[in-house]
């Protein structure tokens, strides 16, 4: 991948939004494992707001 493309991707709002969504998803998984279901549901809903097409996020919400 070219340097210019890497720089553009690094600064992309879409990439940043998906990264934030992934962090909320990871938080939701952690809350879920700790049986903190309300916190897990809240985190996964935020993740889905940021990345509504992500099937992993939808699956976790169904589990919560």
Protein backbone atom coordinates (compact mmCIF):
# COMPACT_ATOMS: atom_id res chain seq x y z
CA UNK A 1 0.00 0.00 0.00
CA UNK A 2 1.33 3.40 -0.91
CA UNK A 3 2.33 6.00 1.64
CA UNK A 4 -0.33 8.45 0.45
CA UNK A 5 -3.06 5.82 0.71
CA UNK A 6 -1.94 4.87 4.22
CA UNK A 7 -2.02 8.51 5.27
CA UNK A 8 -5.50 8.98 3.81
CA UNK A 9 -6.81 5.86 5.53
CA UNK A 10 -5.23 6.85 8.83
CA UNK A 11 -7.04 10.19 8.74
CA UNK A 12 -10.32 8.84 7.38
CA UNK A 13 -13.39 9.61 9.49
CA UNK A 14 -14.89 6.26 8.41
CA UNK A 15 -11.86 4.35 9.69
CA UNK A 16 -11.93 6.35 12.93
CA UNK A 17 -15.65 5.68 13.39
CA UNK A 18 -15.19 1.95 12.81
CA UNK A 19 -12.32 1.93 15.29
CA UNK A 20 -14.51 3.56 17.92
CA UNK A 21 -17.27 1.09 17.13
CA UNK A 22 -14.85 -1.81 17.61
CA UNK A 23 -13.79 -0.42 20.99
CA UNK A 24 -17.41 -0.24 22.14
CA UNK A 25 -17.94 -3.78 20.85
CA UNK A 26 -14.91 -5.01 22.81
CA UNK A 27 -16.24 -3.23 25.90
CA UNK A 28 -19.64 -4.87 25.39
CA UNK A 29 -18.06 -8.32 25.16
CA UNK A 30 -16.19 -7.67 28.38
CA UNK A 31 -19.33 -6.47 30.16
CA UNK A 32 -21.22 -9.48 28.84
CA UNK A 33 -18.59 -11.88 30.20
CA UNK A 34 -18.92 -10.15 33.58
CA UNK A 35 -22.73 -10.59 33.42
CA UNK A 36 -23.19 -6.82 33.33
CA UNK A 37 -25.91 -7.11 30.71
CA UNK A 38 -27.24 -3.56 30.85
CA UNK A 39 -23.76 -2.12 30.37
CA UNK A 40 -23.09 -4.63 27.58
CA UNK A 41 -26.31 -3.68 25.81
CA UNK A 42 -25.53 0.02 26.07
CA UNK A 43 -22.03 -0.45 24.67
CA UNK A 44 -23.15 -2.61 21.77
CA UNK A 45 -25.90 -0.14 20.88
CA UNK A 46 -23.29 2.61 20.63
CA UNK A 47 -21.15 0.32 18.46
CA UNK A 48 -24.12 -0.31 16.16
CA UNK A 49 -24.81 3.41 15.93
CA UNK A 50 -21.27 3.90 14.66
CA UNK A 51 -21.23 0.82 12.38
CA UNK A 52 -24.82 -0.31 11.78
CA UNK A 53 -24.00 -2.94 9.16
CA UNK A 54 -21.60 -4.97 11.29
CA UNK A 55 -22.99 -8.48 11.67
CA UNK A 56 -20.80 -9.32 14.70
CA UNK A 57 -22.27 -6.35 16.54
CA UNK A 58 -25.82 -7.40 15.67
CA UNK A 59 -25.14 -10.94 16.84
CA UNK A 60 -23.83 -9.76 20.21
CA UNK A 61 -26.86 -7.51 20.70
CA UNK A 62 -29.09 -10.54 20.11
CA UNK A 63 -27.16 -12.45 22.78
CA UNK A 64 -27.39 -9.62 25.31
